[in-house]
Structures are given as C-alpha cells and as structure tokens.
Protein backbone atom coordinates (compact mmCIF):
# COMPACT_ATOMS: atom_id res chain seq x y z
CA MET A 1 46.81 -47.87 33.46
CA VAL A 2 43.07 -48.62 34.83
CA GLN A 3 42.45 -44.88 33.65
CA SER A 4 43.62 -45.36 30.50
CA THR A 5 41.84 -48.55 29.55
CA THR A 6 38.67 -46.92 30.60
CA ALA A 7 39.43 -44.03 27.76
CA SER A 8 40.31 -46.43 25.11
CA VAL A 9 36.48 -48.05 25.60
CA ARG A 10 34.38 -45.09 25.68
CA ARG A 11 36.81 -43.83 22.80
CA PHE A 12 36.09 -47.03 21.55
CA GLY A 13 32.29 -47.15 22.43
CA PHE A 14 31.79 -43.32 20.75
CA ILE A 15 33.21 -45.15 17.60
CA SER A 16 30.91 -47.76 17.32
CA PHE A 17 28.11 -45.64 18.05
CA LEU A 18 29.07 -43.08 15.24
CA PHE A 19 29.60 -45.89 12.76
CA SER A 20 26.28 -47.73 14.10
CA ALA A 21 24.73 -44.29 13.37
CA LEU A 22 26.24 -44.00 9.88
CA LEU A 23 25.43 -47.35 8.87
CA MET A 24 21.41 -45.95 9.84
CA LEU A 25 21.27 -43.24 7.93
CA PRO A 26 20.95 -44.60 4.60
CA LEU A 27 17.99 -46.88 6.09
CA LEU A 28 16.68 -43.51 7.86
CA ALA A 29 16.47 -41.79 4.82
CA SER A 30 14.69 -44.56 3.34
CA ALA A 31 11.80 -44.62 5.99
CA ALA A 32 11.22 -41.05 5.20
CA ALA A 33 10.74 -41.83 1.64
CA ASP A 34 7.33 -41.96 0.45
CA PRO A 35 7.06 -45.56 -1.60
CA GLY A 36 3.87 -44.41 -3.15
CA PHE A 37 5.18 -40.93 -4.35
CA GLU A 38 8.15 -42.92 -5.73
CA LYS A 39 5.71 -45.28 -8.30
CA TRP A 40 3.94 -42.07 -8.91
CA LYS A 41 7.01 -40.26 -9.68
CA GLN A 42 8.49 -43.13 -12.38
CA GLU A 43 4.88 -43.26 -13.96
CA PHE A 44 5.16 -39.31 -14.46
CA ARG A 45 8.85 -39.61 -16.03
CA LYS A 46 7.43 -41.46 -18.38
CA GLN A 47 4.46 -38.86 -19.58
CA ALA A 48 7.02 -36.37 -19.14
CA LEU A 49 9.90 -37.99 -21.42
CA ALA A 50 6.86 -38.38 -23.99
CA GLU A 51 6.46 -34.58 -23.82
CA GLY A 52 9.84 -33.61 -24.96
CA ILE A 53 11.30 -33.20 -21.67
CA THR A 54 14.77 -34.90 -21.52
CA ALA A 55 15.71 -37.71 -19.04
CA GLU A 56 18.56 -35.53 -17.58
CA THR A 57 16.11 -32.26 -17.01
CA PHE A 58 13.99 -34.54 -15.29
CA ASP A 59 16.27 -36.54 -13.28
CA ARG A 60 17.91 -33.34 -12.07
CA ALA A 61 15.13 -31.39 -11.51
CA PHE A 62 13.46 -34.98 -9.08
CA LYS A 63 16.93 -35.16 -7.31
CA GLY A 64 16.62 -35.24 -3.44
CA ILE A 65 12.63 -35.17 -3.72
CA ASP A 66 11.30 -38.51 -2.53
CA SER A 67 8.23 -37.10 -0.76
CA PRO A 68 5.24 -35.06 -1.28
CA ASP A 69 5.87 -31.63 0.52
CA GLN A 70 3.18 -31.60 3.51
CA TRP A 71 3.12 -27.33 4.06
CA VAL A 72 1.83 -27.24 0.47
CA LEU A 73 -1.10 -29.82 1.43
CA ASP A 74 -2.28 -27.83 4.37
CA LYS A 75 -2.06 -24.68 2.16
CA ALA A 76 -4.00 -26.55 0.15
CA SER A 77 -6.65 -27.84 2.18
CA PHE A 78 -6.41 -24.31 3.88
CA GLN A 79 -10.75 -23.20 3.79
CA PRO A 80 -10.95 -19.62 5.18
CA GLU A 81 -13.31 -19.04 7.75
CA PHE A 82 -15.00 -15.64 6.77
CA LYS A 83 -14.57 -14.51 3.63
CA ALA A 84 -12.12 -10.76 4.55
CA PRO A 85 -14.70 -7.92 4.82
CA ALA A 86 -13.67 -4.75 2.36
CA TRP A 87 -11.92 -2.82 4.54
CA GLN A 88 -9.51 -5.70 5.52
CA TYR A 89 -8.78 -6.92 2.22
CA PHE A 90 -8.10 -3.06 0.66
CA ASP A 91 -6.22 -1.98 3.85
CA ASN A 92 -3.54 -4.90 4.09
CA ARG A 93 -2.93 -3.69 0.00
CA ILE A 94 -3.21 0.45 -0.23
CA THR A 95 -0.94 1.58 2.58
CA LYS A 96 0.99 4.14 2.46
CA PHE A 97 4.35 2.51 2.95
CA ALA A 98 3.24 0.58 -0.64
CA VAL A 99 3.09 4.19 -2.25
CA LYS A 100 6.19 5.44 -0.77
CA ARG A 101 7.69 1.73 -1.99
CA GLY A 102 6.12 2.18 -5.34
CA ARG A 103 7.34 6.02 -5.80
CA GLU A 104 11.08 4.88 -4.80
CA LYS A 105 10.69 2.01 -7.43
CA LYS A 106 9.60 4.43 -9.79
CA GLN A 107 12.83 6.57 -9.84
CA GLU A 108 15.08 3.96 -9.53
CA LEU A 109 13.06 1.89 -12.98
CA GLN A 110 12.52 4.73 -14.57
CA PRO A 111 14.85 4.06 -17.37
CA TRP A 112 13.92 0.72 -17.57
CA LEU A 113 9.61 1.37 -16.70
CA GLU A 114 9.79 4.08 -19.99
CA LYS A 115 11.19 1.03 -22.33
CA ILE A 116 8.32 -1.13 -21.21
CA GLU A 117 5.89 1.37 -21.77
CA LYS A 118 7.26 2.42 -25.06
CA LYS A 119 6.89 -1.83 -25.90
CA PHE A 120 3.57 -2.46 -24.17
CA GLY A 121 1.83 0.30 -23.66
CA VAL A 122 0.93 -0.17 -20.07
CA ASN A 123 1.30 2.20 -17.35
CA PRO A 124 3.98 1.74 -15.50
CA ASN A 125 1.76 2.42 -12.52
CA ILE A 126 -0.01 -0.59 -12.77
CA LEU A 127 2.79 -2.73 -13.54
CA LEU A 128 4.45 -1.00 -9.81
CA ALA A 129 1.03 -1.84 -7.85
CA ILE A 130 0.97 -5.40 -9.44
CA TRP A 131 4.40 -6.32 -7.67
CA SER A 132 3.80 -4.59 -4.64
CA MET A 133 0.38 -7.05 -4.43
CA GLU A 134 2.36 -9.74 -5.76
CA SER A 135 5.32 -9.69 -3.99
CA SER A 136 5.73 -6.91 -1.89
CA PHE A 137 8.08 -5.48 -4.47
CA GLY A 138 10.02 -8.85 -4.65
CA ALA A 139 10.46 -9.40 -0.50
CA ILE A 140 8.65 -12.33 -0.07
CA LEU A 141 11.43 -14.13 -2.44
CA ASP A 142 13.72 -14.38 0.22
CA ASN A 143 11.12 -15.94 2.87
CA GLN A 144 11.64 -19.35 2.65
CA ASN A 145 8.20 -20.17 4.62
CA VAL A 146 6.68 -19.11 1.44
CA MET A 147 9.16 -19.96 -1.81
CA ARG A 148 9.70 -23.61 -2.21
CA SER A 149 10.73 -25.92 -4.83
CA VAL A 150 8.71 -25.39 -7.32
CA VAL A 151 8.91 -28.77 -8.82
CA ARG A 152 8.14 -30.42 -5.38
CA SER A 153 5.40 -28.20 -4.82
CA LEU A 154 3.58 -29.33 -7.71
CA ALA A 155 4.35 -32.64 -7.87
CA THR A 156 2.95 -32.94 -4.55
CA LEU A 157 -0.53 -31.30 -5.32
CA ALA A 158 -0.30 -33.57 -8.83
CA TYR A 159 0.48 -36.99 -6.60
CA ALA A 160 -1.29 -36.36 -3.40
CA ASP A 161 -4.16 -33.48 -3.73
CA PRO A 162 -7.38 -35.13 -6.21
CA LYS A 163 -9.06 -31.76 -6.50
CA ARG A 164 -5.36 -30.41 -8.33
CA LYS A 165 -4.19 -33.11 -10.02
CA LYS A 166 -4.72 -32.04 -13.44
CA PHE A 167 -3.40 -28.60 -12.55
CA GLY A 168 -0.20 -30.03 -10.42
CA THR A 169 0.42 -31.88 -13.73
CA ASN A 170 0.32 -29.18 -16.39
CA GLN A 171 2.03 -26.79 -14.67
CA LEU A 172 4.89 -29.24 -13.37
CA LEU A 173 5.51 -29.67 -17.02
CA ALA A 174 5.27 -26.79 -18.01
CA ALA A 175 7.87 -26.11 -15.07
CA LEU A 176 9.87 -28.57 -16.16
CA LYS A 177 10.34 -27.42 -20.07
CA ILE A 178 11.07 -24.09 -18.44
CA LEU A 179 13.59 -25.66 -16.61
CA GLN A 180 14.97 -27.16 -19.78
CA SER A 181 15.17 -23.83 -21.49
CA GLY A 182 17.54 -23.09 -19.49
CA ASP A 183 16.29 -19.78 -18.36
CA ILE A 184 16.51 -20.71 -14.59
CA ASP A 185 18.54 -23.38 -13.12
CA GLU A 186 16.30 -25.76 -10.85
CA SER A 187 18.08 -24.28 -7.31
CA HIS A 188 16.08 -20.91 -8.20
CA LEU A 189 12.83 -23.10 -9.51
CA THR A 190 11.25 -21.71 -6.40
CA GLY A 191 7.67 -20.31 -6.23
CA SER A 192 4.64 -20.02 -3.70
CA TRP A 193 3.02 -23.53 -2.82
CA ALA A 194 0.56 -23.32 -5.48
CA GLY A 195 3.99 -23.07 -8.39
CA ALA A 196 2.85 -18.65 -8.69
CA MET A 197 7.21 -17.81 -9.90
CA GLY A 198 8.85 -14.69 -9.20
CA HIS A 199 8.88 -11.30 -8.61
CA THR A 200 5.39 -11.20 -10.56
CA GLN A 201 4.07 -14.54 -9.41
CA PHE A 202 3.14 -16.61 -13.03
CA ILE A 203 2.53 -19.88 -13.01
CA PRO A 204 4.75 -22.00 -15.08
CA THR A 205 1.84 -22.33 -17.98
CA SER A 206 1.32 -18.45 -17.86
CA TYR A 207 5.04 -17.78 -17.65
CA GLN A 208 5.57 -20.00 -21.30
CA ALA A 209 2.90 -17.62 -22.34
CA TYR A 210 4.21 -14.30 -21.85
CA ALA A 211 7.55 -14.37 -20.27
CA VAL A 212 10.27 -11.41 -21.63
CA ASP A 213 13.46 -11.36 -21.60
CA MET A 214 13.43 -7.24 -21.08
CA ASP A 215 17.16 -6.94 -20.13
CA GLY A 216 18.66 -8.79 -22.97
CA ASP A 217 20.96 -11.64 -21.21
CA GLY A 218 19.86 -14.45 -23.09
CA LYS A 219 16.97 -15.09 -20.33
CA ARG A 220 13.31 -14.49 -19.71
CA ASP A 221 14.12 -14.82 -15.60
CA ILE A 222 11.09 -13.09 -13.31
CA TRP A 223 13.27 -14.42 -10.18
CA ASN A 224 16.31 -11.94 -10.27
CA SER A 225 15.75 -9.46 -12.94
CA VAL A 226 12.68 -6.72 -12.16
CA PRO A 227 12.81 -5.53 -15.53
CA ASP A 228 12.38 -9.49 -17.24
CA ALA A 229 9.39 -9.57 -14.33
CA LEU A 230 7.62 -6.02 -14.60
CA ALA A 231 7.95 -6.32 -18.86
CA THR A 232 6.11 -10.06 -18.50
CA ALA A 233 3.77 -8.37 -16.55
CA ALA A 234 2.79 -5.99 -19.23
CA SER A 235 2.55 -8.56 -21.90
CA LEU A 236 0.01 -10.84 -19.92
CA LEU A 237 -1.77 -6.79 -20.04
CA SER A 238 -0.67 -6.04 -23.42
CA LYS A 239 -1.89 -9.28 -25.12
CA ASN A 240 -5.08 -9.33 -23.22
CA GLY A 241 -6.23 -6.10 -25.04
CA TRP A 242 -4.72 -3.30 -22.18
CA ARG A 243 -5.97 0.27 -23.79
CA SER A 244 -3.02 2.10 -24.31
CA GLY A 245 -3.17 5.70 -22.70
CA GLU A 246 -6.34 4.90 -20.95
CA THR A 247 -7.19 3.98 -17.14
CA TRP A 248 -8.98 1.64 -15.18
CA GLY A 249 -11.84 3.35 -13.60
CA TYR A 250 -12.68 6.50 -11.52
CA GLU A 251 -14.16 7.26 -7.86
CA VAL A 252 -17.57 8.61 -8.02
CA THR A 253 -20.68 9.87 -6.45
CA ILE A 254 -23.72 7.67 -6.97
CA PRO A 255 -27.36 8.97 -6.41
CA GLU A 256 -29.91 7.62 -4.03
CA ARG A 257 -32.32 6.15 -5.68
CA LYS A 258 -31.96 2.11 -7.70
CA LEU A 259 -29.42 2.03 -10.22
CA PRO A 260 -29.21 -0.36 -13.21
CA ALA A 261 -26.60 -4.10 -13.11
CA GLY A 262 -24.57 -4.07 -16.16
CA LYS A 263 -22.84 -1.94 -18.64
CA LEU A 264 -23.56 1.55 -19.75
CA THR A 265 -21.66 4.26 -21.64
CA ILE A 266 -20.26 6.82 -19.10
CA ALA A 267 -22.28 9.56 -20.52
CA GLU A 268 -25.90 7.41 -19.61
CA TRP A 269 -24.25 7.30 -16.36
CA GLU A 270 -23.89 10.71 -15.92
CA LYS A 271 -27.69 10.82 -17.28
CA LEU A 272 -28.90 8.73 -14.33
CA GLY A 273 -26.29 11.04 -11.76
CA VAL A 274 -23.33 9.23 -11.56
CA LYS A 275 -20.52 12.43 -11.04
CA ARG A 276 -16.62 11.50 -10.33
CA VAL A 277 -15.61 12.21 -6.72
CA ARG A 278 -14.01 16.14 -7.37
CA GLY A 279 -16.38 17.30 -10.70
CA GLN A 280 -13.94 16.51 -13.51
CA ALA A 281 -15.65 15.81 -16.85
CA PHE A 282 -14.93 12.31 -17.70
CA PRO A 283 -12.53 11.82 -20.94
CA ARG A 284 -14.57 9.98 -22.86
CA PRO A 285 -18.43 9.96 -22.29
CA ASP A 286 -18.77 6.87 -24.83
CA ASP A 287 -16.99 4.52 -22.64
CA VAL A 288 -18.66 1.68 -21.79
CA ALA A 289 -18.12 1.34 -17.97
CA GLU A 290 -19.93 -0.70 -15.09
CA LEU A 291 -20.65 0.64 -11.44
CA LYS A 292 -18.87 -1.38 -8.57
CA VAL A 293 -19.38 -0.68 -4.99
CA PRO A 294 -17.59 -3.35 -3.26
CA ALA A 295 -18.41 -2.17 0.38
CA GLY A 296 -21.83 -1.13 -0.70
CA ARG A 297 -23.54 2.44 -0.69
CA GLY A 298 -21.97 3.41 2.05
CA GLY A 299 -18.71 2.89 0.98
CA PRO A 300 -16.73 3.81 -2.41
CA ALA A 301 -17.76 3.37 -5.88
CA PHE A 302 -16.51 2.98 -8.67
CA LEU A 303 -17.32 3.57 -12.77
CA VAL A 304 -14.87 0.67 -14.07
CA LEU A 305 -13.35 0.89 -17.76
CA LYS A 306 -12.20 -1.90 -20.23
CA ASN A 307 -8.39 -2.09 -18.56
CA PHE A 308 -10.04 -3.26 -15.19
CA PHE A 309 -11.44 -5.85 -16.80
CA VAL A 310 -7.92 -6.46 -18.20
CA ILE A 311 -6.16 -6.96 -14.51
CA LYS A 312 -8.85 -9.69 -13.97
CA ARG A 313 -7.19 -11.63 -16.50
CA TYR A 314 -3.73 -11.61 -13.79
CA ASN A 315 -6.00 -12.49 -10.86
CA ASN A 316 -9.43 -12.78 -11.69
CA SER A 317 -11.24 -10.47 -8.88
CA ASP A 318 -12.85 -7.56 -9.06
CA ARG A 319 -11.21 -6.87 -5.17
CA TYR A 320 -7.56 -7.22 -6.47
CA ALA A 321 -8.33 -5.38 -9.52
CA LEU A 322 -10.02 -2.51 -7.52
CA ALA A 323 -6.99 -2.56 -5.25
CA VAL A 324 -4.34 -2.57 -8.12
CA GLY A 325 -5.79 0.14 -9.77
CA ILE A 326 -6.53 2.47 -6.59
CA LEU A 327 -2.58 1.61 -5.45
CA ALA A 328 -1.30 2.72 -9.29
CA ASP A 329 -3.32 6.23 -9.26
CA GLN A 330 -1.74 6.60 -5.91
CA ILE A 331 1.80 5.72 -6.73
CA GLY A 332 1.25 8.10 -9.45
CA GLY A 333 0.45 11.31 -6.81
CA ALA A 334 -3.22 10.45 -7.43
CA GLU A 335 -4.74 11.74 -3.51
CA PRO A 336 -6.54 8.72 -1.70
CA LEU A 337 -9.80 8.00 -2.06
CA THR A 338 -12.71 10.59 -1.05
CA ARG A 339 -14.73 8.30 0.86
CA ASP A 340 -13.11 5.59 3.52
CA TRP A 341 -14.37 2.18 3.58
CA LYS A 342 -16.67 1.12 6.36
CA ARG A 343 -15.30 -0.02 9.52
CA PRO A 344 -15.93 -0.42 12.93
CA PHE A 345 -12.65 0.60 14.32
CA THR A 346 -9.88 3.36 14.27
CA LYS A 347 -7.67 2.27 11.60
CA LEU A 348 -3.99 1.56 11.97
CA ASP A 349 -1.47 2.70 9.67
CA HIS A 350 1.21 0.21 8.46
CA ASP A 351 4.17 1.22 10.69
CA GLU A 352 1.44 0.32 13.89
CA VAL A 353 0.03 -2.70 12.29
CA VAL A 354 3.65 -3.90 12.41
CA GLU A 355 3.89 -2.80 16.18
CA LEU A 356 0.84 -4.47 17.45
CA GLN A 357 1.89 -7.97 15.77
CA THR A 358 5.32 -7.22 17.55
CA LYS A 359 3.29 -7.63 20.95
CA LEU A 360 1.20 -9.64 20.10
CA LYS A 361 4.04 -11.77 18.84
CA GLU A 362 6.08 -11.20 22.18
CA LYS A 363 3.32 -12.05 24.43
CA GLY A 364 2.52 -15.05 22.94
CA PHE A 365 -0.52 -14.71 20.74
CA TYR A 366 0.94 -14.63 17.40
CA ASP A 367 3.19 -17.11 16.01
CA GLY A 368 2.79 -15.81 12.17
CA GLU A 369 4.74 -13.29 9.96
CA VAL A 370 5.27 -9.48 11.17
CA ASP A 371 4.47 -7.60 7.71
CA GLY A 372 2.31 -5.12 8.79
CA LYS A 373 -0.69 -6.93 6.63
CA ALA A 374 -3.98 -7.61 9.15
CA GLY A 375 -5.31 -10.84 8.01
CA GLY A 376 -7.03 -14.03 9.64
CA GLU A 377 -4.02 -15.08 11.96
CA THR A 378 -3.41 -11.25 13.00
CA ARG A 379 -7.49 -10.85 13.85
CA LYS A 380 -7.16 -14.45 15.57
CA ALA A 381 -4.13 -13.64 17.70
CA ILE A 382 -6.07 -10.18 18.62
CA LEU A 383 -8.76 -12.28 19.94
CA LYS A 384 -6.89 -14.53 22.41
CA PHE A 385 -5.43 -11.32 23.19
CA GLU A 386 -8.65 -9.72 23.82
CA GLU A 387 -10.38 -12.76 25.94
CA SER A 388 -6.85 -12.76 28.22
CA ALA A 389 -7.52 -8.85 28.79
CA GLY A 390 -11.62 -9.50 29.99
CA VAL A 391 -12.49 -6.87 27.23
CA GLU A 392 -15.21 -7.25 24.26
CA LEU A 393 -14.28 -9.97 21.70
CA GLN A 394 -13.95 -8.33 18.66
CA GLY A 395 -10.57 -9.16 16.89
CA PHE A 396 -10.22 -6.11 14.91
CA PRO A 397 -6.51 -4.48 14.40
CA SER A 398 -7.64 -1.17 15.81
CA LYS A 399 -6.02 1.87 17.64
CA GLU A 400 -7.73 0.64 21.20
CA VAL A 401 -6.51 -2.57 20.25
CA LEU A 402 -2.80 -1.49 20.01
CA GLU A 403 -3.21 1.08 22.81
CA LEU A 404 -4.20 -1.71 24.78
CA LEU A 405 -1.23 -3.82 24.63
CA ARG A 406 1.46 -1.22 25.03
CA LYS A 407 -0.63 -0.43 28.45
CA LYS A 408 -0.45 -4.44 29.46
C-alpha cells in the first residue's frame, strides 16, 4: 500500500513537471526571439508589400524566423589573416579529382551540354569548371553547415550588418519575388551565408537576370535541375559578351626583359618575345590580350583574352577566372601547365590532403571539413601539430607533414 502510494506520488510529480515544462515552452521560445528583429521585420514587411510581394508570400517565407542567424554574422565579419598564396588558391581548385569528376559529368550530361552550347554558344568545359568551383559539382548543397535559409541569411544581413544592409535588403526582396514566382518553395530556398544559391551559386538579383528553365518543366530550378543551373551560368556569360568558339587565354613563356602593362594585340606580344609554351601558333594574331603572371615571373604566365574578362563577370577575380579557364582546359583534355606554381614544399594530391585532414582531426588539431582543400583552417591545424611535434612551424600541407602524421 505504501509502495503504491509512493508510486502514485512519483507519477503525479512527473506529470506536474511535464505539464509545467510544456507551459514554459512558449516562454522559452519568446525569450529566444529578438524584439528588435521582430520590429525590423514588421517594417520590412511594409516595404515588401509595396514592392509587390503578397502578404501570403511574406508570411510563408518568414514563418518560424524570429531572430537573426549568428552564423551568418560570424561569416560576414570574418577577415582572413592572410591572403592565400597563389599555390594554395590553385592547388585547392585545379585538382586531379576535379578534372576526373568534370570529365565524368561531361559524359553523363553530354546531350544537355550540347543543347546549352547550341543555345548560348558557351564552351561546356567552362560551365563544368564553374560548377566545380562554385559547389563542387553540387556536393555542398547537402551540407547544412554551408547551406542555410536564404530568407533568414539575407534578413540577418539587412537587419544586423550595417555594411551589408543595402545588399541584404535588395537581395531579400529579390528572393521573395523568386519564392512568389513558384520556381522554388521556401523549404528549398537555400544558399550560402550571403545568399548565393544552387549548383552555380547565383545571388537572387543575378538569378532574376539570368535564370533559365532549360529542362522545360516550367521552373527555373538551379537547386535541383543541373541543366537549369548550367544553362543559367551560360546565360550570364552569353549576355555579358562571351565569344563563341574562342578560348579564354593561353599559357605562355615570357622573355627576361621588362614587358609593358596593359593590352596589346597578340602579334605585338609576339614581337616582344611572348610565345605559347608548346610552340603552337596563335590562331588569331589580331586578338587583343593582356599578360597575367599571378605568382610572379617564377610561376606560370598567361595571355588572357575577351572571354577571360567575361568569366570575371561571374566573379571579379583574376585568380577565379584563371582557375576556371585552366580547369576547363584540363577537363577538355589539355595537359597540366608546363610551369608549376612556386611552393616551398612537396605538393599533396587531393586524396593525400583528405588523409592529412583526417589525421589532424583524429589527433584533435582540426575541426573543419574533410574536403581535400587545404585552406586557412587546415594550415592553422598543421601549425598546431608542428608545434606539438617540436618541428619548424611552417603550416604547409606537405608530404613531409603527412609523413610525420603517419609516424605519430
């Protein structure tokens, strides 16, 4: 009888605790909400409705979003401690793995690539290289550490980042219009911290300007349709002046003497002693070109043409455009560059970098992504490991460090 009464008291106590906890849930939720964000959201709602966004679209988009995303603010405020040297940038993007995957995707998507090239005149290898650079052939789209709600990310920038307030507001309005168009639903409207979306990473205003329904299903779906995503990239390049049938540039050798800056015809560059690395003739001597030496005279040199500068409309970076062009050439069957990037260590291939990151993670030095790309976080982890091992601190993803990790 006593045991029965005790059990009843215990059950009653548990039920009371559970009931109290349930009552507390709304209070906990409201405590997590940001009153300032809620006030901003109501003001922005008025602006969105004035821009033609329906109340139903707005409320659907913002359902469950009652605070900014601190992860987005952390990404927005991150300032790299150093500019990546040329070898690091290109080693992480022009890999045997990327070339192999690009060739596999080219074979797999050949009918679509032919249709896209016929419509827009853009070399399919360039599109495959952009796809690799932007999302690793779509691999990042399933990574929830990278892809978040575009509405919440852009709302965070519009509300809490003074430097990006205008950008966040404009892109958020565009994102709501994309949602209202029916091309994608709110659960799949995902992107990077800055709102870059889909396989080919378009911000909402660029999506509005260039998105294409290539597969004919009535939606411009760069998140789930690879043909739509690649055609959208081709649309951007085409509308920005892509020259069909022409290359982006050439690897060249340069003479010891000082060369002029700026643009000259290829014939003029030839007179100054600039030649293609394997001795071929330039097909169009009257083309205007500019000399690029991203790692200085000791590294590879390139004459870049009009299409190089069109690629920069995708991402305004010489390194980006060079990486796209070089990777595209190698996907198309070209040999690697004749002159390697200057690096003070023995290079690792993609699989070896994966092994390096895995071993650093196992030993507690690294908590980033195991992705075969030796960026800043990997180099910091290497420095920590080198310090613990009592060797010279260099931070390079080298054969020497990998061998030391294997021994340890």
